[in-house]
Amino acid sequence: MVVMIPTPLRDYTSGASEVSASGASLAEVLDQLDGRFPGIRFRMVDEQDRIRPHIKFFVGQELAPSLDVPVESGEDVHIICALSGG
């Protein structure tokens, strides 16, 4: 599968906007990404394994409300970061 990396997280992927990954669930995909790109998972998931409020994941075309969402073969994962400021 392809994981679309948003601009604020591309420092972890050496600038890559897309990376390949695998896993049966969103949690497994993120664990694999963190193994390849150390620290990226913590930017998206907190210490209680909850998705951070400014992050949204889409698996295929569906919003993933939690990390236990299954990822089917061929489905892409999109990571969306909200911007804030004042």
PDB file of N, CA and C in Angstrom:
ATOM      1  N   MET A   1       0.843  -1.175   0.000  1.00  0.00           N
ATOM      2  CA  MET A   1       0.000   0.000   0.000  1.00  0.00           C
ATOM      3  C   MET A   1       0.884   1.231   0.000  1.00  0.00           C
ATOM      4  N   VAL A   2       0.279   2.349  -0.321  1.00  0.00           N
ATOM      5  CA  VAL A   2       0.974   3.628  -0.313  1.00  0.00           C
ATOM      6  C   VAL A   2       0.430   4.448   0.851  1.00  0.00           C
ATOM      7  N   VAL A   3       1.342   5.093   1.573  1.00  0.00           N
ATOM      8  CA  VAL A   3       0.966   6.013   2.645  1.00  0.00           C
ATOM      9  C   VAL A   3       1.357   7.412   2.192  1.00  0.00           C
ATOM     10  N   MET A   4       0.389   8.304   2.132  1.00  0.00           N
ATOM     11  CA  MET A   4       0.615   9.688   1.732  1.00  0.00           C
ATOM     12  C   MET A   4       1.042  10.471   2.964  1.00  0.00           C
ATOM     13  N   ILE A   5       2.219  11.081   2.878  1.00  0.00           N
ATOM     14  CA  ILE A   5       2.801  11.798   4.006  1.00  0.00           C
ATOM     15  C   ILE A   5       2.584  13.303   3.812  1.00  0.00           C
ATOM     16  N   PRO A   6       1.978  13.979   4.804  1.00  0.00           N
ATOM     17  CA  PRO A   6       1.776  15.424   4.667  1.00  0.00           C
ATOM     18  C   PRO A   6       3.087  16.193   4.859  1.00  0.00           C
ATOM     19  N   THR A   7       3.127  17.380   4.346  1.00  0.00           N
ATOM     20  CA  THR A   7       4.340  18.200   4.386  1.00  0.00           C
ATOM     21  C   THR A   7       4.955  18.329   5.784  1.00  0.00           C
ATOM     22  N   PRO A   8       4.181  18.562   6.859  1.00  0.00           N
ATOM     23  CA  PRO A   8       4.810  18.727   8.175  1.00  0.00           C
ATOM     24  C   PRO A   8       5.554  17.478   8.686  1.00  0.00           C
ATOM     25  N   LEU A   9       5.294  16.314   8.103  1.00  0.00           N
ATOM     26  CA  LEU A   9       5.948  15.081   8.561  1.00  0.00           C
ATOM     27  C   LEU A   9       7.039  14.593   7.609  1.00  0.00           C
ATOM     28  N   ARG A  10       7.271  15.311   6.540  1.00  0.00           N
ATOM     29  CA  ARG A  10       8.226  14.845   5.527  1.00  0.00           C
ATOM     30  C   ARG A  10       9.678  14.940   5.965  1.00  0.00           C
ATOM     31  N   ASP A  11       9.982  15.675   7.027  1.00  0.00           N
ATOM     32  CA  ASP A  11      11.345  15.655   7.565  1.00  0.00           C
ATOM     33  C   ASP A  11      11.724  14.246   8.000  1.00  0.00           C
ATOM     34  N   TYR A  12      10.744  13.477   8.456  1.00  0.00           N
ATOM     35  CA  TYR A  12      10.997  12.103   8.899  1.00  0.00           C
ATOM     36  C   TYR A  12      11.264  11.166   7.724  1.00  0.00           C
ATOM     37  N   THR A  13      10.685  11.473   6.566  1.00  0.00           N
ATOM     38  CA  THR A  13      10.792  10.592   5.399  1.00  0.00           C
ATOM     39  C   THR A  13      11.770  11.112   4.354  1.00  0.00           C
ATOM     40  N   SER A  14      12.678  11.953   4.776  1.00  0.00           N
ATOM     41  CA  SER A  14      13.666  12.559   3.867  1.00  0.00           C
ATOM     42  C   SER A  14      12.994  13.267   2.697  1.00  0.00           C
ATOM     43  N   GLY A  15      11.855  13.867   2.966  1.00  0.00           N
ATOM     44  CA  GLY A  15      11.145  14.636   1.954  1.00  0.00           C
ATOM     45  C   GLY A  15      10.150  13.864   1.118  1.00  0.00           C
ATOM     46  N   ALA A  16      10.064  12.552   1.303  1.00  0.00           N
ATOM     47  CA  ALA A  16       9.143  11.742   0.491  1.00  0.00           C
ATOM     48  C   ALA A  16       7.688  12.052   0.835  1.00  0.00           C
ATOM     49  N   SER A  17       6.875  12.266  -0.191  1.00  0.00           N
ATOM     50  CA  SER A  17       5.449  12.516   0.014  1.00  0.00           C
ATOM     51  C   SER A  17       4.635  11.226   0.025  1.00  0.00           C
ATOM     52  N   GLU A  18       5.229  10.147  -0.460  1.00  0.00           N
ATOM     53  CA  GLU A  18       4.586   8.830  -0.461  1.00  0.00           C
ATOM     54  C   GLU A  18       5.621   7.797  -0.042  1.00  0.00           C
ATOM     55  N   VAL A  19       5.206   6.880   0.807  1.00  0.00           N
ATOM     56  CA  VAL A  19       6.071   5.765   1.190  1.00  0.00           C
ATOM     57  C   VAL A  19       5.241   4.491   1.137  1.00  0.00           C
ATOM     58  N   SER A  20       5.891   3.360   0.975  1.00  0.00           N
ATOM     59  CA  SER A  20       5.167   2.095   0.971  1.00  0.00           C
ATOM     60  C   SER A  20       5.185   1.503   2.370  1.00  0.00           C
ATOM     61  N   ALA A  21       4.138   0.762   2.682  1.00  0.00           N
ATOM     62  CA  ALA A  21       4.018   0.111   3.986  1.00  0.00           C
ATOM     63  C   ALA A  21       3.071  -1.067   3.850  1.00  0.00           C
ATOM     64  N   SER A  22       2.991  -1.841   4.912  1.00  0.00           N
ATOM     65  CA  SER A  22       2.027  -2.938   4.951  1.00  0.00           C
ATOM     66  C   SER A  22       1.546  -3.101   6.382  1.00  0.00           C
ATOM     67  N   GLY A  23       0.442  -3.803   6.526  1.00  0.00           N
ATOM     68  CA  GLY A  23      -0.128  -4.071   7.838  1.00  0.00           C
ATOM     69  C   GLY A  23      -1.596  -4.389   7.702  1.00  0.00           C
ATOM     70  N   ALA A  24      -2.108  -5.151   8.647  1.00  0.00           N
ATOM     71  CA  ALA A  24      -3.511  -5.539   8.620  1.00  0.00           C
ATOM     72  C   ALA A  24      -4.410  -4.486   9.260  1.00  0.00           C
ATOM     73  N   SER A  25      -3.813  -3.566  10.028  1.00  0.00           N
ATOM     74  CA  SER A  25      -4.574  -2.502  10.671  1.00  0.00           C
ATOM     75  C   SER A  25      -3.779  -1.208  10.567  1.00  0.00           C
ATOM     76  N   LEU A  26      -4.438  -0.108  10.846  1.00  0.00           N
ATOM     77  CA  LEU A  26      -3.752   1.178  10.834  1.00  0.00           C
ATOM     78  C   LEU A  26      -2.628   1.181  11.863  1.00  0.00           C
ATOM     79  N   ALA A  27      -2.837   0.578  13.016  1.00  0.00           N
ATOM     80  CA  ALA A  27      -1.793   0.499  14.047  1.00  0.00           C
ATOM     81  C   ALA A  27      -0.552  -0.209  13.519  1.00  0.00           C
ATOM     82  N   GLU A  28      -0.731  -1.304  12.810  1.00  0.00           N
ATOM     83  CA  GLU A  28       0.413  -2.037  12.255  1.00  0.00           C
ATOM     84  C   GLU A  28       1.140  -1.226  11.194  1.00  0.00           C
ATOM     85  N   VAL A  29       0.392  -0.499  10.383  1.00  0.00           N
ATOM     86  CA  VAL A  29       1.013   0.351   9.364  1.00  0.00           C
ATOM     87  C   VAL A  29       1.870   1.422  10.042  1.00  0.00           C
ATOM     88  N   LEU A  30       1.339   2.062  11.082  1.00  0.00           N
ATOM     89  CA  LEU A  30       2.090   3.106  11.774  1.00  0.00           C
ATOM     90  C   LEU A  30       3.304   2.543  12.497  1.00  0.00           C
ATOM     91  N   ASP A  31       3.177   1.356  13.064  1.00  0.00           N
ATOM     92  CA  ASP A  31       4.333   0.724  13.703  1.00  0.00           C
ATOM     93  C   ASP A  31       5.438   0.455  12.684  1.00  0.00           C
ATOM     94  N   GLN A  32       5.046  -0.004  11.497  1.00  0.00           N
ATOM     95  CA  GLN A  32       6.043  -0.252  10.460  1.00  0.00           C
ATOM     96  C   GLN A  32       6.695   1.058  10.013  1.00  0.00           C
ATOM     97  N   LEU A  33       5.906   2.098   9.858  1.00  0.00           N
ATOM     98  CA  LEU A  33       6.471   3.393   9.484  1.00  0.00           C
ATOM     99  C   LEU A  33       7.449   3.885  10.536  1.00  0.00           C
ATOM    100  N   ASP A  34       7.096   3.714  11.796  1.00  0.00           N
ATOM    101  CA  ASP A  34       7.969   4.181  12.868  1.00  0.00           C
ATOM    102  C   ASP A  34       9.274   3.385  12.915  1.00  0.00           C
ATOM    103  N   GLY A  35       9.240   2.129  12.516  1.00  0.00           N
ATOM    104  CA  GLY A  35      10.463   1.337  12.432  1.00  0.00           C
ATOM    105  C   GLY A  35      11.400   1.863  11.354  1.00  0.00           C
ATOM    106  N   ARG A  36      10.831   2.346  10.268  1.00  0.00           N
ATOM    107  CA  ARG A  36      11.626   2.885   9.157  1.00  0.00           C
ATOM    108  C   ARG A  36      11.978   4.349   9.352  1.00  0.00           C
ATOM    109  N   PHE A  37      11.066   5.090   9.990  1.00  0.00           N
ATOM    110  CA  PHE A  37      11.225   6.527  10.183  1.00  0.00           C
ATOM    111  C   PHE A  37      11.000   6.850  11.664  1.00  0.00           C
ATOM    112  N   PRO A  38      11.992   6.583  12.503  1.00  0.00           N
ATOM    113  CA  PRO A  38      11.829   6.716  13.959  1.00  0.00           C
ATOM    114  C   PRO A  38      11.304   8.092  14.372  1.00  0.00           C
ATOM    115  N   GLY A  39      10.289   8.051  15.242  1.00  0.00           N
ATOM    116  CA  GLY A  39       9.694   9.267  15.782  1.00  0.00           C
ATOM    117  C   GLY A  39       8.453   9.742  15.069  1.00  0.00           C
ATOM    118  N   ILE A  40       8.179   9.243  13.875  1.00  0.00           N
ATOM    119  CA  ILE A  40       7.029   9.735  13.113  1.00  0.00           C
ATOM    120  C   ILE A  40       5.704   9.366  13.790  1.00  0.00           C
ATOM    121  N   ARG A  41       5.631   8.176  14.381  1.00  0.00           N
ATOM    122  CA  ARG A  41       4.377   7.739  15.013  1.00  0.00           C
ATOM    123  C   ARG A  41       3.977   8.661  16.157  1.00  0.00           C
ATOM    124  N   PHE A  42       4.953   9.069  16.973  1.00  0.00           N
ATOM    125  CA  PHE A  42       4.657   9.908  18.125  1.00  0.00           C
ATOM    126  C   PHE A  42       4.103  11.267  17.714  1.00  0.00           C
ATOM    127  N   ARG A  43       4.406  11.730  16.540  1.00  0.00           N
ATOM    128  CA  ARG A  43       3.839  12.990  16.051  1.00  0.00           C
ATOM    129  C   ARG A  43       2.356  12.845  15.714  1.00  0.00           C
ATOM    130  N   MET A  44       1.883  11.591  15.550  1.00  0.00           N
ATOM    131  CA  MET A  44       0.492  11.363  15.156  1.00  0.00           C
ATOM    132  C   MET A  44      -0.349  10.701  16.236  1.00  0.00           C
ATOM    133  N   VAL A  45       0.319   9.982  17.150  1.00  0.00           N
ATOM    134  CA  VAL A  45      -0.377   9.178  18.160  1.00  0.00           C
ATOM    135  C   VAL A  45       0.215   9.507  19.527  1.00  0.00           C
ATOM    136  N   ASP A  46      -0.649   9.706  20.532  1.00  0.00           N
ATOM    137  CA  ASP A  46      -0.146  10.074  21.856  1.00  0.00           C
ATOM    138  C   ASP A  46       0.250   8.846  22.686  1.00  0.00           C
ATOM    139  N   GLU A  47       0.623   9.093  23.941  1.00  0.00           N
ATOM    140  CA  GLU A  47       1.104   8.036  24.823  1.00  0.00           C
ATOM    141  C   GLU A  47       0.032   7.002  25.171  1.00  0.00           C
ATOM    142  N   GLN A  48      -1.231   7.356  25.018  1.00  0.00           N
ATOM    143  CA  GLN A  48      -2.348   6.437  25.287  1.00  0.00           C
ATOM    144  C   GLN A  48      -2.859   5.762  24.014  1.00  0.00           C
ATOM    145  N   ASP A  49      -2.065   5.805  22.956  1.00  0.00           N
ATOM    146  CA  ASP A  49      -2.429   5.224  21.658  1.00  0.00           C
ATOM    147  C   ASP A  49      -3.698   5.821  21.069  1.00  0.00           C
ATOM    148  N   ARG A  50      -3.887   7.111  21.300  1.00  0.00           N
ATOM    149  CA  ARG A  50      -5.006   7.832  20.690  1.00  0.00           C
ATOM    150  C   ARG A  50      -4.461   8.724  19.577  1.00  0.00           C
ATOM    151  N   ILE A  51      -5.227   8.833  18.522  1.00  0.00           N
ATOM    152  CA  ILE A  51      -4.855   9.717  17.422  1.00  0.00           C
ATOM    153  C   ILE A  51      -4.903  11.153  17.935  1.00  0.00           C
ATOM    154  N   ARG A  52      -3.831  11.888  17.694  1.00  0.00           N
ATOM    155  CA  ARG A  52      -3.773  13.282  18.150  1.00  0.00           C
ATOM    156  C   ARG A  52      -4.869  14.104  17.466  1.00  0.00           C
ATOM    157  N   PRO A  53      -5.399  15.118  18.169  1.00  0.00           N
ATOM    158  CA  PRO A  53      -6.543  15.887  17.640  1.00  0.00           C
ATOM    159  C   PRO A  53      -6.291  16.554  16.291  1.00  0.00           C
ATOM    160  N   HIS A  54      -5.068  16.926  15.979  1.00  0.00           N
ATOM    161  CA  HIS A  54      -4.789  17.636  14.730  1.00  0.00           C
ATOM    162  C   HIS A  54      -4.475  16.695  13.558  1.00  0.00           C
ATOM    163  N   ILE A  55      -4.607  15.385  13.784  1.00  0.00           N
ATOM    164  CA  ILE A  55      -4.303  14.384  12.756  1.00  0.00           C
ATOM    165  C   ILE A  55      -5.579  13.635  12.359  1.00  0.00           C
ATOM    166  N   LYS A  56      -5.736  13.415  11.076  1.00  0.00           N
ATOM    167  CA  LYS A  56      -6.815  12.562  10.554  1.00  0.00           C
ATOM    168  C   LYS A  56      -6.188  11.532   9.630  1.00  0.00           C
ATOM    169  N   PHE A  57      -6.684  10.311   9.713  1.00  0.00           N
ATOM    170  CA  PHE A  57      -6.252   9.232   8.825  1.00  0.00           C
ATOM    171  C   PHE A  57      -7.429   8.819   7.959  1.00  0.00           C
ATOM    172  N   PHE A  58      -7.160   8.604   6.689  1.00  0.00           N
ATOM    173  CA  PHE A  58      -8.143   8.023   5.793  1.00  0.00           C
ATOM    174  C   PHE A  58      -7.571   6.720   5.267  1.00  0.00           C
ATOM    175  N   VAL A  59      -8.324   5.660   5.413  1.00  0.00           N
ATOM    176  CA  VAL A  59      -7.952   4.352   4.872  1.00  0.00           C
ATOM    177  C   VAL A  59      -8.877   4.122   3.694  1.00  0.00           C
ATOM    178  N   GLY A  60      -8.307   4.067   2.510  1.00  0.00           N
ATOM    179  CA  GLY A  60      -9.152   4.077   1.315  1.00  0.00           C
ATOM    180  C   GLY A  60      -9.826   5.441   1.256  1.00  0.00           C
ATOM    181  N   GLN A  61     -11.126   5.457   1.215  1.00  0.00           N
ATOM    182  CA  GLN A  61     -11.890   6.708   1.179  1.00  0.00           C
ATOM    183  C   GLN A  61     -12.555   7.029   2.511  1.00  0.00           C
ATOM    184  N   GLU A  62     -12.312   6.190   3.526  1.00  0.00           N
ATOM    185  CA  GLU A  62     -13.028   6.320   4.800  1.00  0.00           C
ATOM    186  C   GLU A  62     -12.148   6.913   5.898  1.00  0.00           C
ATOM    187  N   LEU A  63     -12.734   7.823   6.690  1.00  0.00           N
ATOM    188  CA  LEU A  63     -12.061   8.372   7.846  1.00  0.00           C
ATOM    189  C   LEU A  63     -11.860   7.259   8.879  1.00  0.00           C
ATOM    190  N   ALA A  64     -10.649   7.132   9.389  1.00  0.00           N
ATOM    191  CA  ALA A  64     -10.340   6.112  10.398  1.00  0.00           C
ATOM    192  C   ALA A  64     -10.438   6.747  11.784  1.00  0.00           C
ATOM    193  N   PRO A  65     -11.439   6.366  12.586  1.00  0.00           N
ATOM    194  CA  PRO A  65     -11.604   6.982  13.898  1.00  0.00           C
ATOM    195  C   PRO A  65     -10.646   6.447  14.966  1.00  0.00           C
ATOM    196  N   SER A  66     -10.008   5.311  14.690  1.00  0.00           N
ATOM    197  CA  SER A  66      -9.102   4.717  15.673  1.00  0.00           C
ATOM    198  C   SER A  66      -8.030   3.904  14.962  1.00  0.00           C
ATOM    199  N   LEU A  67      -7.044   3.467  15.731  1.00  0.00           N
ATOM    200  CA  LEU A  67      -5.918   2.723  15.163  1.00  0.00           C
ATOM    201  C   LEU A  67      -6.262   1.283  14.817  1.00  0.00           C
ATOM    202  N   ASP A  68      -7.386   0.770  15.313  1.00  0.00           N
ATOM    203  CA  ASP A  68      -7.725  -0.629  15.040  1.00  0.00           C
ATOM    204  C   ASP A  68      -8.497  -0.828  13.734  1.00  0.00           C
ATOM    205  N   VAL A  69      -8.625   0.218  12.945  1.00  0.00           N
ATOM    206  CA  VAL A  69      -9.302   0.117  11.649  1.00  0.00           C
ATOM    207  C   VAL A  69      -8.498  -0.826  10.748  1.00  0.00           C
ATOM    208  N   PRO A  70      -9.166  -1.820  10.145  1.00  0.00           N
ATOM    209  CA  PRO A  70      -8.446  -2.723   9.245  1.00  0.00           C
ATOM    210  C   PRO A  70      -8.026  -2.023   7.955  1.00  0.00           C
ATOM    211  N   VAL A  71      -6.908  -2.471   7.420  1.00  0.00           N
ATOM    212  CA  VAL A  71      -6.412  -1.961   6.139  1.00  0.00           C
ATOM    213  C   VAL A  71      -6.377  -3.140   5.179  1.00  0.00           C
ATOM    214  N   GLU A  72      -7.187  -3.059   4.143  1.00  0.00           N
ATOM    215  CA  GLU A  72      -7.261  -4.121   3.155  1.00  0.00           C
ATOM    216  C   GLU A  72      -6.143  -3.971   2.127  1.00  0.00           C
ATOM    217  N   SER A  73      -5.774  -5.056   1.518  1.00  0.00           N
ATOM    218  CA  SER A  73      -4.764  -5.034   0.468  1.00  0.00           C
ATOM    219  C   SER A  73      -5.196  -4.071  -0.629  1.00  0.00           C
ATOM    220  N   GLY A  74      -4.292  -3.217  -1.037  1.00  0.00           N
ATOM    221  CA  GLY A  74      -4.585  -2.275  -2.104  1.00  0.00           C
ATOM    222  C   GLY A  74      -5.151  -0.948  -1.645  1.00  0.00           C
ATOM    223  N   GLU A  75      -5.512  -0.827  -0.371  1.00  0.00           N
ATOM    224  CA  GLU A  75      -6.023   0.449   0.133  1.00  0.00           C
ATOM    225  C   GLU A  75      -4.854   1.364   0.489  1.00  0.00           C
ATOM    226  N   ASP A  76      -4.960   2.616   0.101  1.00  0.00           N
ATOM    227  CA  ASP A  76      -3.956   3.594   0.470  1.00  0.00           C
ATOM    228  C   ASP A  76      -4.339   4.249   1.789  1.00  0.00           C
ATOM    229  N   VAL A  77      -3.345   4.779   2.479  1.00  0.00           N
ATOM    230  CA  VAL A  77      -3.565   5.496   3.721  1.00  0.00           C
ATOM    231  C   VAL A  77      -3.123   6.947   3.506  1.00  0.00           C
ATOM    232  N   HIS A  78      -4.027   7.859   3.811  1.00  0.00           N
ATOM    233  CA  HIS A  78      -3.736   9.296   3.710  1.00  0.00           C
ATOM    234  C   HIS A  78      -3.662   9.867   5.112  1.00  0.00           C
ATOM    235  N   ILE A  79      -2.606  10.605   5.389  1.00  0.00           N
ATOM    236  CA  ILE A  79      -2.452  11.278   6.672  1.00  0.00           C
ATOM    237  C   ILE A  79      -2.683  12.767   6.415  1.00  0.00           C
ATOM    238  N   ILE A  80      -3.595  13.344   7.188  1.00  0.00           N
ATOM    239  CA  ILE A  80      -3.925  14.753   7.052  1.00  0.00           C
ATOM    240  C   ILE A  80      -3.570  15.461   8.360  1.00  0.00           C
ATOM    241  N   CYS A  81      -2.837  16.568   8.264  1.00  0.00           N
ATOM    242  CA  CYS A  81      -2.486  17.376   9.428  1.00  0.00           C
ATOM    243  C   CYS A  81      -3.234  18.691   9.348  1.00  0.00           C
ATOM    244  N   ALA A  82      -3.926  19.038  10.421  1.00  0.00           N
ATOM    245  CA  ALA A  82      -4.558  20.347  10.492  1.00  0.00           C
ATOM    246  C   ALA A  82      -3.515  21.391  10.830  1.00  0.00           C
ATOM    247  N   LEU A  83      -3.659  22.555  10.282  1.00  0.00           N
ATOM    248  CA  LEU A  83      -2.773  23.672  10.587  1.00  0.00           C
ATOM    249  C   LEU A  83      -3.440  24.572  11.605  1.00  0.00           C
ATOM    250  N   SER A  84      -2.642  25.140  12.487  1.00  0.00           N
ATOM    251  CA  SER A  84      -3.190  26.089  13.458  1.00  0.00           C
ATOM    252  C   SER A  84      -2.218  27.236  13.620  1.00  0.00           C
ATOM    253  N   GLY A  85      -2.686  28.246  14.213  1.00  0.00           N
ATOM    254  CA  GLY A  85      -1.831  29.400  14.431  1.00  0.00           C
ATOM    255  C   GLY A  85      -2.666  30.583  14.851  1.00  0.00           C
ATOM    256  N   GLY A  86      -2.031  31.690  15.001  1.00  0.00           N
ATOM    257  CA  GLY A  86      -2.797  32.839  15.447  1.00  0.00           C
ATOM    258  C   GLY A  86      -2.174  34.122  15.028  1.00  0.00           C
TER     259      GLY A  86
END
